Amino acid sequence: MLIDLKTKKVKHQDIGQMNLYLNYFKEEENTEGDNEPIGIIIAADKHEFLVKYAIGGISNKIFVSKYQLYLPDRKVLEDKVKEILDSE
């Protein structure tokens, strides 16, 4: 898994760069029996339209997400964890 943390809004160049990294890693670093690498880009903000079309047609697995500067309060986190555990 390759992770790229961006301090600004994600750009299409960032997605292309991650695709390059994944292709390199798949070809040069993976050994027989390894799963294909996954790329995760975590950015201060993302534009859904840009991400949709920048990732479209790429065979590598790339995920883009927006990070939060502050965690939600404890009650919200506890409720979310409980919700996830109950769904399994």
N, C-alpha and C. Protein backbone atom coordinates (compact mmCIF):
# COMPACT_ATOMS: atom_id res chain seq x y z
N MET A 1 0.85 -1.16 0.00
CA MET A 1 0.00 0.00 0.00
C MET A 1 0.91 1.23 0.00
N LEU A 2 0.64 2.12 -0.93
CA LEU A 2 1.37 3.38 -1.01
C LEU A 2 0.43 4.50 -0.60
N ILE A 3 0.89 5.36 0.31
CA ILE A 3 0.06 6.45 0.82
C ILE A 3 0.76 7.77 0.53
N ASP A 4 0.00 8.72 -0.02
CA ASP A 4 0.51 10.05 -0.32
C ASP A 4 -0.36 11.06 0.42
N LEU A 5 0.25 11.81 1.32
CA LEU A 5 -0.48 12.82 2.09
C LEU A 5 -0.24 14.18 1.46
N LYS A 6 -1.30 14.85 1.04
CA LYS A 6 -1.22 16.17 0.42
C LYS A 6 -1.78 17.21 1.38
N THR A 7 -1.08 18.33 1.52
CA THR A 7 -1.53 19.38 2.43
C THR A 7 -2.50 20.34 1.77
N LYS A 8 -2.72 20.18 0.48
CA LYS A 8 -3.66 21.03 -0.25
C LYS A 8 -4.68 20.17 -0.97
N LYS A 9 -5.52 20.79 -1.77
CA LYS A 9 -6.53 20.11 -2.55
C LYS A 9 -5.86 19.18 -3.56
N VAL A 10 -6.41 17.98 -3.74
CA VAL A 10 -5.84 17.03 -4.68
C VAL A 10 -6.02 17.54 -6.12
N LYS A 11 -4.99 17.33 -6.94
CA LYS A 11 -5.01 17.74 -8.34
C LYS A 11 -4.89 16.49 -9.21
N HIS A 12 -5.24 16.62 -10.48
CA HIS A 12 -5.15 15.46 -11.37
C HIS A 12 -3.71 14.98 -11.50
N GLN A 13 -2.75 15.88 -11.35
CA GLN A 13 -1.34 15.49 -11.41
C GLN A 13 -0.98 14.55 -10.25
N ASP A 14 -1.60 14.75 -9.10
CA ASP A 14 -1.35 13.89 -7.94
C ASP A 14 -1.80 12.45 -8.22
N ILE A 15 -2.91 12.33 -8.90
CA ILE A 15 -3.44 11.01 -9.24
C ILE A 15 -2.53 10.34 -10.27
N GLY A 16 -2.08 11.10 -11.26
CA GLY A 16 -1.14 10.57 -12.25
C GLY A 16 0.17 10.14 -11.60
N GLN A 17 0.63 10.93 -10.64
CA GLN A 17 1.86 10.61 -9.93
C GLN A 17 1.70 9.30 -9.15
N MET A 18 0.57 9.12 -8.49
CA MET A 18 0.33 7.88 -7.75
C MET A 18 0.28 6.70 -8.71
N ASN A 19 -0.32 6.88 -9.88
CA ASN A 19 -0.37 5.81 -10.87
C ASN A 19 1.05 5.41 -11.29
N LEU A 20 1.92 6.40 -11.48
CA LEU A 20 3.31 6.13 -11.82
C LEU A 20 3.99 5.33 -10.71
N TYR A 21 3.79 5.74 -9.45
CA TYR A 21 4.38 5.03 -8.32
C TYR A 21 3.89 3.58 -8.26
N LEU A 22 2.60 3.38 -8.48
CA LEU A 22 2.04 2.03 -8.44
C LEU A 22 2.62 1.15 -9.54
N ASN A 23 2.74 1.72 -10.75
CA ASN A 23 3.32 0.94 -11.85
C ASN A 23 4.76 0.56 -11.55
N TYR A 24 5.53 1.50 -11.02
CA TYR A 24 6.92 1.21 -10.65
C TYR A 24 6.97 0.12 -9.59
N PHE A 25 6.16 0.29 -8.52
CA PHE A 25 6.20 -0.65 -7.42
C PHE A 25 5.79 -2.05 -7.88
N LYS A 26 4.76 -2.12 -8.73
CA LYS A 26 4.28 -3.40 -9.23
C LYS A 26 5.37 -4.11 -10.04
N GLU A 27 6.08 -3.36 -10.85
CA GLU A 27 7.10 -3.91 -11.75
C GLU A 27 8.44 -4.19 -11.05
N GLU A 28 8.85 -3.30 -10.16
CA GLU A 28 10.21 -3.38 -9.60
C GLU A 28 10.30 -3.90 -8.17
N GLU A 29 9.25 -3.73 -7.37
CA GLU A 29 9.33 -4.07 -5.95
C GLU A 29 8.54 -5.32 -5.56
N ASN A 30 7.40 -5.54 -6.21
CA ASN A 30 6.60 -6.72 -5.88
C ASN A 30 7.36 -8.00 -6.23
N THR A 31 7.16 -9.01 -5.40
CA THR A 31 7.74 -10.31 -5.67
C THR A 31 6.61 -11.28 -5.99
N GLU A 32 6.97 -12.43 -6.51
CA GLU A 32 5.96 -13.42 -6.89
C GLU A 32 5.07 -13.75 -5.71
N GLY A 33 3.77 -13.74 -5.94
CA GLY A 33 2.81 -14.02 -4.89
C GLY A 33 2.28 -12.79 -4.17
N ASP A 34 2.91 -11.63 -4.38
CA ASP A 34 2.41 -10.39 -3.77
C ASP A 34 1.13 -9.94 -4.46
N ASN A 35 0.25 -9.33 -3.69
CA ASN A 35 -0.92 -8.68 -4.28
C ASN A 35 -0.47 -7.41 -4.97
N GLU A 36 -1.30 -6.95 -5.92
CA GLU A 36 -0.98 -5.68 -6.58
C GLU A 36 -1.08 -4.55 -5.55
N PRO A 37 -0.20 -3.55 -5.67
CA PRO A 37 -0.24 -2.45 -4.69
C PRO A 37 -1.49 -1.59 -4.85
N ILE A 38 -1.86 -0.96 -3.76
CA ILE A 38 -3.01 -0.05 -3.72
C ILE A 38 -2.47 1.33 -3.36
N GLY A 39 -2.98 2.37 -4.01
CA GLY A 39 -2.57 3.73 -3.72
C GLY A 39 -3.67 4.49 -3.02
N ILE A 40 -3.29 5.19 -1.96
CA ILE A 40 -4.24 6.03 -1.23
C ILE A 40 -3.69 7.45 -1.18
N ILE A 41 -4.49 8.39 -1.64
CA ILE A 41 -4.13 9.80 -1.59
C ILE A 41 -5.05 10.46 -0.57
N ILE A 42 -4.45 11.04 0.46
CA ILE A 42 -5.23 11.74 1.49
C ILE A 42 -4.88 13.22 1.36
N ALA A 43 -5.88 14.03 1.10
CA ALA A 43 -5.65 15.45 0.82
C ALA A 43 -6.52 16.33 1.70
N ALA A 44 -6.14 17.61 1.76
CA ALA A 44 -6.91 18.57 2.54
C ALA A 44 -8.32 18.75 1.97
N ASP A 45 -8.47 18.54 0.67
CA ASP A 45 -9.77 18.66 0.03
C ASP A 45 -9.72 17.93 -1.30
N LYS A 46 -10.87 17.59 -1.82
CA LYS A 46 -10.93 16.93 -3.13
C LYS A 46 -12.18 17.38 -3.86
N HIS A 47 -12.10 17.39 -5.16
CA HIS A 47 -13.23 17.74 -6.01
C HIS A 47 -13.70 16.44 -6.65
N GLU A 48 -14.92 16.00 -6.29
CA GLU A 48 -15.44 14.71 -6.73
C GLU A 48 -15.38 14.53 -8.25
N PHE A 49 -15.73 15.56 -8.99
CA PHE A 49 -15.75 15.51 -10.45
C PHE A 49 -14.34 15.24 -10.99
N LEU A 50 -13.36 15.97 -10.48
CA LEU A 50 -11.97 15.80 -10.91
C LEU A 50 -11.48 14.39 -10.60
N VAL A 51 -11.73 13.92 -9.39
CA VAL A 51 -11.27 12.59 -8.99
C VAL A 51 -11.91 11.52 -9.87
N LYS A 52 -13.21 11.64 -10.11
CA LYS A 52 -13.92 10.65 -10.92
C LYS A 52 -13.28 10.49 -12.29
N TYR A 53 -13.00 11.60 -12.95
CA TYR A 53 -12.48 11.52 -14.32
C TYR A 53 -10.97 11.30 -14.36
N ALA A 54 -10.25 11.71 -13.35
CA ALA A 54 -8.81 11.48 -13.32
C ALA A 54 -8.50 10.01 -13.05
N ILE A 55 -9.34 9.34 -12.27
CA ILE A 55 -9.13 7.92 -11.96
C ILE A 55 -9.71 7.02 -13.04
N GLY A 56 -10.72 7.50 -13.76
CA GLY A 56 -11.38 6.69 -14.77
C GLY A 56 -10.40 6.11 -15.79
N GLY A 57 -10.52 4.83 -16.07
CA GLY A 57 -9.69 4.17 -17.06
C GLY A 57 -8.34 3.71 -16.53
N ILE A 58 -8.01 4.02 -15.29
CA ILE A 58 -6.76 3.56 -14.69
C ILE A 58 -7.01 2.18 -14.10
N SER A 59 -6.17 1.22 -14.45
CA SER A 59 -6.38 -0.14 -13.94
C SER A 59 -5.86 -0.32 -12.52
N ASN A 60 -4.97 0.55 -12.07
CA ASN A 60 -4.48 0.47 -10.70
C ASN A 60 -5.56 0.90 -9.73
N LYS A 61 -5.50 0.38 -8.50
CA LYS A 61 -6.46 0.74 -7.46
C LYS A 61 -5.95 1.99 -6.75
N ILE A 62 -6.64 3.11 -6.99
CA ILE A 62 -6.28 4.39 -6.37
C ILE A 62 -7.52 4.94 -5.67
N PHE A 63 -7.34 5.32 -4.42
CA PHE A 63 -8.43 5.90 -3.65
C PHE A 63 -8.02 7.29 -3.17
N VAL A 64 -8.97 8.22 -3.23
CA VAL A 64 -8.70 9.59 -2.81
C VAL A 64 -9.69 9.94 -1.70
N SER A 65 -9.17 10.50 -0.62
CA SER A 65 -10.02 10.86 0.50
C SER A 65 -9.60 12.20 1.08
N LYS A 66 -10.55 12.87 1.68
CA LYS A 66 -10.29 14.14 2.35
C LYS A 66 -10.05 13.86 3.83
N TYR A 67 -9.02 14.45 4.38
CA TYR A 67 -8.77 14.26 5.81
C TYR A 67 -9.39 15.38 6.61
N GLN A 68 -9.58 15.10 7.90
CA GLN A 68 -10.10 16.10 8.83
C GLN A 68 -8.97 16.59 9.71
N LEU A 69 -8.94 17.86 9.98
CA LEU A 69 -7.92 18.41 10.86
C LEU A 69 -8.18 18.05 12.32
N TYR A 70 -9.45 17.86 12.67
CA TYR A 70 -9.80 17.56 14.05
C TYR A 70 -10.75 16.37 14.07
N LEU A 71 -10.57 15.51 15.05
CA LEU A 71 -11.47 14.37 15.20
C LEU A 71 -12.82 14.85 15.73
N PRO A 72 -13.88 14.14 15.35
CA PRO A 72 -15.18 14.46 15.94
C PRO A 72 -15.15 14.17 17.44
N ASP A 73 -16.16 14.64 18.16
CA ASP A 73 -16.14 14.40 19.60
C ASP A 73 -16.28 12.90 19.91
N ARG A 74 -15.95 12.56 21.12
CA ARG A 74 -15.88 11.15 21.55
C ARG A 74 -17.19 10.40 21.30
N LYS A 75 -18.32 11.01 21.59
CA LYS A 75 -19.63 10.37 21.43
C LYS A 75 -19.87 9.99 19.97
N VAL A 76 -19.54 10.87 19.04
CA VAL A 76 -19.72 10.60 17.61
C VAL A 76 -18.85 9.41 17.20
N LEU A 77 -17.60 9.38 17.67
CA LEU A 77 -16.71 8.27 17.35
C LEU A 77 -17.22 6.96 17.92
N GLU A 78 -17.66 6.98 19.17
CA GLU A 78 -18.19 5.77 19.79
C GLU A 78 -19.41 5.24 19.04
N ASP A 79 -20.31 6.14 18.64
CA ASP A 79 -21.51 5.74 17.90
C ASP A 79 -21.13 5.12 16.55
N LYS A 80 -20.14 5.70 15.88
CA LYS A 80 -19.72 5.19 14.57
C LYS A 80 -19.09 3.80 14.70
N VAL A 81 -18.23 3.62 15.70
CA VAL A 81 -17.62 2.31 15.93
C VAL A 81 -18.69 1.27 16.24
N LYS A 82 -19.65 1.63 17.08
CA LYS A 82 -20.74 0.72 17.43
C LYS A 82 -21.54 0.35 16.18
N GLU A 83 -21.82 1.32 15.33
CA GLU A 83 -22.56 1.10 14.09
C GLU A 83 -21.81 0.10 13.20
N ILE A 84 -20.51 0.26 13.08
CA ILE A 84 -19.70 -0.64 12.24
C ILE A 84 -19.70 -2.04 12.82
N LEU A 85 -19.50 -2.15 14.13
CA LEU A 85 -19.46 -3.46 14.77
C LEU A 85 -20.82 -4.18 14.66
N ASP A 86 -21.90 -3.44 14.79
CA ASP A 86 -23.23 -4.02 14.70
C ASP A 86 -23.55 -4.51 13.29
N SER A 87 -22.96 -3.88 12.29
CA SER A 87 -23.25 -4.27 10.90
C SER A 87 -22.50 -5.53 10.49
N GLU A 88 -21.50 -5.93 11.27
CA GLU A 88 -20.72 -7.13 10.93
C GLU A 88 -21.30 -8.33 11.54
